[in-house]
Amino acid sequence: MSEESEFGNAVKGLYKKLCKSEWDAMMVGVLIAFFSVIMLAWSRPWGAVGAIRNWGEWILFGIGMLEDTPAGILENSGSIIGIGFVAGAFLSANL
C-alpha cells in the first residue's frame, strides 16, 4: 500500500512540476532548440505545413477527384505534429 502512495505522490509531484508551475522561458527555448537539432540530425526538421497537401489529397480522394489512394494521414510527420498541436492546446486549455 505504501508503494502505491509513494508512486502516487511521485506522479502528483511530477504533474505539479510539469503542468501547474510556470516554466522558465529560457529553458523552454533551449529544449525546443535541442529537439530541433536532434530532429534535423536524425531525420529532417520539424514542419507542419507539408501535411496540408496530404490532407488535400484525402479530401480529393473522398470526393472522387483522385483515383490513387494517398499516403495515410498518420504516416505523415506533419499530420502527427498537427495532431500534437491540437492535443497540446486541448490539454493546456483543460489544465
N, C-alpha and C. Protein backbone atom coordinates (compact mmCIF):
# COMPACT_ATOMS: atom_id res chain seq x y z
N MET A 1 0.82 -1.19 0.00
CA MET A 1 0.00 0.00 0.00
C MET A 1 0.87 1.25 0.00
N SER A 2 1.98 1.21 0.75
CA SER A 2 2.82 2.41 0.79
C SER A 2 3.52 2.65 -0.55
N GLU A 3 3.76 1.55 -1.32
CA GLU A 3 4.35 1.72 -2.64
C GLU A 3 3.42 2.49 -3.56
N GLU A 4 2.13 2.21 -3.47
CA GLU A 4 1.16 2.93 -4.30
C GLU A 4 1.13 4.40 -3.93
N SER A 5 1.17 4.69 -2.63
CA SER A 5 1.12 6.09 -2.23
C SER A 5 2.42 6.81 -2.60
N GLU A 6 3.55 6.12 -2.54
CA GLU A 6 4.81 6.73 -2.96
C GLU A 6 4.79 7.01 -4.46
N PHE A 7 4.28 6.04 -5.23
CA PHE A 7 4.17 6.24 -6.67
C PHE A 7 3.18 7.35 -6.98
N GLY A 8 2.05 7.34 -6.30
CA GLY A 8 1.05 8.39 -6.50
C GLY A 8 1.59 9.76 -6.16
N ASN A 9 2.35 9.84 -5.07
CA ASN A 9 2.97 11.12 -4.69
C ASN A 9 3.99 11.57 -5.73
N ALA A 10 4.74 10.61 -6.27
CA ALA A 10 5.73 10.95 -7.31
C ALA A 10 5.03 11.47 -8.57
N VAL A 11 3.93 10.82 -8.96
CA VAL A 11 3.18 11.26 -10.14
C VAL A 11 2.58 12.64 -9.90
N LYS A 12 2.02 12.85 -8.72
CA LYS A 12 1.43 14.16 -8.39
C LYS A 12 2.50 15.25 -8.40
N GLY A 13 3.68 14.93 -7.85
CA GLY A 13 4.77 15.91 -7.85
C GLY A 13 5.24 16.24 -9.26
N LEU A 14 5.35 15.21 -10.10
CA LEU A 14 5.75 15.44 -11.49
C LEU A 14 4.69 16.25 -12.23
N TYR A 15 3.42 15.93 -12.01
CA TYR A 15 2.33 16.68 -12.64
C TYR A 15 2.38 18.14 -12.21
N LYS A 16 2.59 18.37 -10.92
CA LYS A 16 2.64 19.75 -10.42
C LYS A 16 3.82 20.50 -11.03
N LYS A 17 4.96 19.83 -11.13
CA LYS A 17 6.16 20.48 -11.67
C LYS A 17 6.02 20.77 -13.16
N LEU A 18 5.44 19.83 -13.93
CA LEU A 18 5.36 20.00 -15.38
C LEU A 18 4.14 20.79 -15.84
N CYS A 19 3.02 20.65 -15.13
CA CYS A 19 1.77 21.22 -15.64
C CYS A 19 1.23 22.40 -14.84
N LYS A 20 1.55 22.49 -13.59
CA LYS A 20 0.98 23.55 -12.76
C LYS A 20 1.90 24.76 -12.61
N SER A 21 3.19 24.50 -12.49
CA SER A 21 4.12 25.61 -12.29
C SER A 21 4.56 26.16 -13.65
N GLU A 22 4.90 27.45 -13.67
CA GLU A 22 5.30 28.10 -14.91
C GLU A 22 6.74 27.72 -15.25
N TRP A 23 6.98 27.45 -16.52
CA TRP A 23 8.31 27.08 -16.98
C TRP A 23 9.11 28.34 -17.29
N ASP A 24 10.41 28.27 -17.10
CA ASP A 24 11.31 29.36 -17.45
C ASP A 24 11.40 29.45 -18.98
N ALA A 25 11.21 30.64 -19.52
CA ALA A 25 11.20 30.83 -20.98
C ALA A 25 12.54 30.43 -21.61
N MET A 26 13.63 30.71 -20.94
CA MET A 26 14.95 30.36 -21.47
C MET A 26 15.09 28.84 -21.56
N MET A 27 14.64 28.13 -20.54
CA MET A 27 14.74 26.68 -20.54
C MET A 27 13.89 26.06 -21.65
N VAL A 28 12.69 26.59 -21.86
CA VAL A 28 11.82 26.09 -22.92
C VAL A 28 12.46 26.34 -24.28
N GLY A 29 13.05 27.51 -24.48
CA GLY A 29 13.74 27.81 -25.73
C GLY A 29 14.90 26.87 -25.98
N VAL A 30 15.66 26.58 -24.94
CA VAL A 30 16.79 25.65 -25.07
C VAL A 30 16.29 24.25 -25.41
N LEU A 31 15.21 23.81 -24.77
CA LEU A 31 14.66 22.48 -25.06
C LEU A 31 14.17 22.38 -26.51
N ILE A 32 13.46 23.40 -26.97
CA ILE A 32 12.96 23.38 -28.35
C ILE A 32 14.13 23.40 -29.33
N ALA A 33 15.14 24.21 -29.06
CA ALA A 33 16.32 24.25 -29.94
C ALA A 33 17.03 22.89 -29.95
N PHE A 34 17.17 22.28 -28.78
CA PHE A 34 17.82 20.97 -28.68
C PHE A 34 17.06 19.92 -29.51
N PHE A 35 15.75 19.87 -29.32
CA PHE A 35 14.96 18.88 -30.06
C PHE A 35 14.94 19.17 -31.56
N SER A 36 14.99 20.43 -31.94
CA SER A 36 15.06 20.78 -33.36
C SER A 36 16.36 20.29 -33.98
N VAL A 37 17.46 20.46 -33.27
CA VAL A 37 18.76 19.99 -33.77
C VAL A 37 18.77 18.47 -33.86
N ILE A 38 18.23 17.81 -32.85
CA ILE A 38 18.16 16.34 -32.87
C ILE A 38 17.32 15.86 -34.05
N MET A 39 16.17 16.50 -34.28
CA MET A 39 15.31 16.11 -35.40
C MET A 39 16.01 16.35 -36.73
N LEU A 40 16.72 17.46 -36.85
CA LEU A 40 17.44 17.77 -38.09
C LEU A 40 18.54 16.74 -38.33
N ALA A 41 19.27 16.38 -37.28
CA ALA A 41 20.36 15.42 -37.43
C ALA A 41 19.83 14.01 -37.67
N TRP A 42 18.71 13.68 -37.08
CA TRP A 42 18.19 12.32 -37.18
C TRP A 42 17.41 12.11 -38.47
N SER A 43 16.60 13.06 -38.83
CA SER A 43 15.72 12.84 -39.97
C SER A 43 15.60 14.12 -40.80
N ARG A 44 14.75 15.02 -40.34
CA ARG A 44 14.52 16.28 -41.03
C ARG A 44 13.92 17.25 -40.02
N PRO A 45 13.94 18.54 -40.31
CA PRO A 45 13.42 19.50 -39.34
C PRO A 45 11.91 19.40 -39.18
N TRP A 46 11.44 19.97 -38.07
CA TRP A 46 10.01 19.99 -37.83
C TRP A 46 9.31 20.80 -38.90
N GLY A 47 8.14 20.38 -39.24
CA GLY A 47 7.34 21.13 -40.20
C GLY A 47 5.93 20.58 -40.22
N ALA A 48 4.98 21.45 -40.07
CA ALA A 48 3.59 21.02 -40.07
C ALA A 48 2.90 21.35 -41.38
N VAL A 49 3.54 22.14 -42.24
CA VAL A 49 2.88 22.61 -43.46
C VAL A 49 2.79 21.51 -44.51
N GLY A 50 3.73 20.58 -44.54
CA GLY A 50 3.71 19.52 -45.54
C GLY A 50 2.49 18.63 -45.46
N ALA A 51 1.85 18.60 -44.33
CA ALA A 51 0.67 17.75 -44.16
C ALA A 51 -0.53 18.29 -44.91
N ILE A 52 -0.53 19.58 -45.22
CA ILE A 52 -1.69 20.18 -45.89
C ILE A 52 -1.93 19.51 -47.25
N ARG A 53 -0.85 19.20 -47.96
CA ARG A 53 -1.01 18.51 -49.25
C ARG A 53 -1.64 17.14 -49.03
N ASN A 54 -1.16 16.42 -48.02
CA ASN A 54 -1.70 15.09 -47.73
C ASN A 54 -3.18 15.18 -47.37
N TRP A 55 -3.55 16.15 -46.57
CA TRP A 55 -4.96 16.32 -46.20
C TRP A 55 -5.79 16.66 -47.43
N GLY A 56 -5.25 17.53 -48.29
CA GLY A 56 -5.95 17.89 -49.52
C GLY A 56 -6.15 16.69 -50.44
N GLU A 57 -5.12 15.83 -50.52
CA GLU A 57 -5.25 14.63 -51.33
C GLU A 57 -6.35 13.73 -50.80
N TRP A 58 -6.46 13.64 -49.48
CA TRP A 58 -7.53 12.82 -48.89
C TRP A 58 -8.90 13.42 -49.16
N ILE A 59 -9.00 14.73 -49.15
CA ILE A 59 -10.29 15.38 -49.48
C ILE A 59 -10.65 15.10 -50.93
N LEU A 60 -9.68 15.27 -51.84
CA LEU A 60 -9.93 14.99 -53.26
C LEU A 60 -10.27 13.51 -53.48
N PHE A 61 -9.60 12.63 -52.78
CA PHE A 61 -9.89 11.20 -52.88
C PHE A 61 -11.30 10.91 -52.37
N GLY A 62 -11.68 11.58 -51.29
CA GLY A 62 -13.01 11.37 -50.70
C GLY A 62 -14.14 11.81 -51.61
N ILE A 63 -13.92 12.87 -52.39
CA ILE A 63 -14.98 13.34 -53.29
C ILE A 63 -14.85 12.76 -54.70
N GLY A 64 -13.88 11.85 -54.87
CA GLY A 64 -13.76 11.13 -56.13
C GLY A 64 -12.94 11.80 -57.21
N MET A 65 -12.23 12.85 -56.89
CA MET A 65 -11.42 13.54 -57.90
C MET A 65 -10.01 12.97 -58.01
N LEU A 66 -9.64 12.07 -57.12
CA LEU A 66 -8.31 11.46 -57.13
C LEU A 66 -8.50 9.96 -57.12
N GLU A 67 -7.85 9.26 -58.07
CA GLU A 67 -8.05 7.82 -58.18
C GLU A 67 -7.17 7.03 -57.22
N ASP A 68 -5.91 7.42 -57.10
CA ASP A 68 -4.97 6.68 -56.26
C ASP A 68 -5.18 7.03 -54.79
N THR A 69 -5.11 6.00 -53.95
CA THR A 69 -5.24 6.24 -52.51
C THR A 69 -4.00 6.96 -52.02
N PRO A 70 -4.16 8.11 -51.36
CA PRO A 70 -2.99 8.84 -50.85
C PRO A 70 -2.36 8.13 -49.65
N ALA A 71 -1.17 8.57 -49.30
CA ALA A 71 -0.48 8.03 -48.13
C ALA A 71 -1.33 8.29 -46.89
N GLY A 72 -1.23 7.38 -45.94
CA GLY A 72 -2.02 7.50 -44.72
C GLY A 72 -1.70 8.78 -43.96
N ILE A 73 -2.71 9.33 -43.34
CA ILE A 73 -2.53 10.59 -42.61
C ILE A 73 -1.55 10.40 -41.46
N LEU A 74 -1.61 9.27 -40.78
CA LEU A 74 -0.70 9.05 -39.65
C LEU A 74 0.71 8.67 -40.09
N GLU A 75 0.92 8.47 -41.38
CA GLU A 75 2.27 8.21 -41.90
C GLU A 75 3.01 9.51 -42.20
N ASN A 76 2.31 10.62 -42.18
CA ASN A 76 2.90 11.92 -42.49
C ASN A 76 3.29 12.60 -41.18
N SER A 77 4.56 12.95 -41.04
CA SER A 77 5.02 13.56 -39.79
C SER A 77 4.34 14.89 -39.52
N GLY A 78 4.00 15.63 -40.56
CA GLY A 78 3.30 16.90 -40.37
C GLY A 78 1.93 16.70 -39.75
N SER A 79 1.26 15.61 -40.12
CA SER A 79 -0.04 15.31 -39.52
C SER A 79 0.11 14.99 -38.04
N ILE A 80 1.14 14.24 -37.72
CA ILE A 80 1.39 13.91 -36.31
C ILE A 80 1.65 15.18 -35.52
N ILE A 81 2.43 16.10 -36.08
CA ILE A 81 2.70 17.37 -35.41
C ILE A 81 1.41 18.16 -35.25
N GLY A 82 0.58 18.19 -36.30
CA GLY A 82 -0.70 18.89 -36.22
C GLY A 82 -1.61 18.32 -35.15
N ILE A 83 -1.67 17.00 -35.08
CA ILE A 83 -2.47 16.35 -34.04
C ILE A 83 -1.89 16.69 -32.67
N GLY A 84 -0.56 16.73 -32.58
CA GLY A 84 0.08 17.11 -31.32
C GLY A 84 -0.24 18.54 -30.92
N PHE A 85 -0.27 19.45 -31.90
CA PHE A 85 -0.65 20.85 -31.61
C PHE A 85 -2.06 20.92 -31.04
N VAL A 86 -2.99 20.23 -31.69
CA VAL A 86 -4.38 20.26 -31.23
C VAL A 86 -4.50 19.61 -29.86
N ALA A 87 -3.86 18.46 -29.67
CA ALA A 87 -3.93 17.77 -28.37
C ALA A 87 -3.27 18.61 -27.28
N GLY A 88 -2.15 19.24 -27.59
CA GLY A 88 -1.48 20.09 -26.60
C GLY A 88 -2.31 21.31 -26.23
N ALA A 89 -2.94 21.92 -27.23
CA ALA A 89 -3.81 23.06 -26.95
C ALA A 89 -5.00 22.64 -26.11
N PHE A 90 -5.57 21.48 -26.42
CA PHE A 90 -6.70 20.97 -25.64
C PHE A 90 -6.28 20.69 -24.21
N LEU A 91 -5.11 20.05 -24.05
CA LEU A 91 -4.62 19.72 -22.71
C LEU A 91 -4.34 20.98 -21.91
N SER A 92 -3.67 21.95 -22.50
CA SER A 92 -3.35 23.16 -21.74
C SER A 92 -4.60 23.99 -21.47
N ALA A 93 -5.60 23.92 -22.32
CA ALA A 93 -6.85 24.64 -22.05
C ALA A 93 -7.61 24.00 -20.90
N ASN A 94 -7.45 22.70 -20.73
CA ASN A 94 -8.17 22.00 -19.67
C ASN A 94 -7.40 21.95 -18.36
N LEU A 95 -6.14 22.32 -18.37
CA LEU A 95 -5.39 22.33 -17.11
C LEU A 95 -5.57 23.69 -16.50
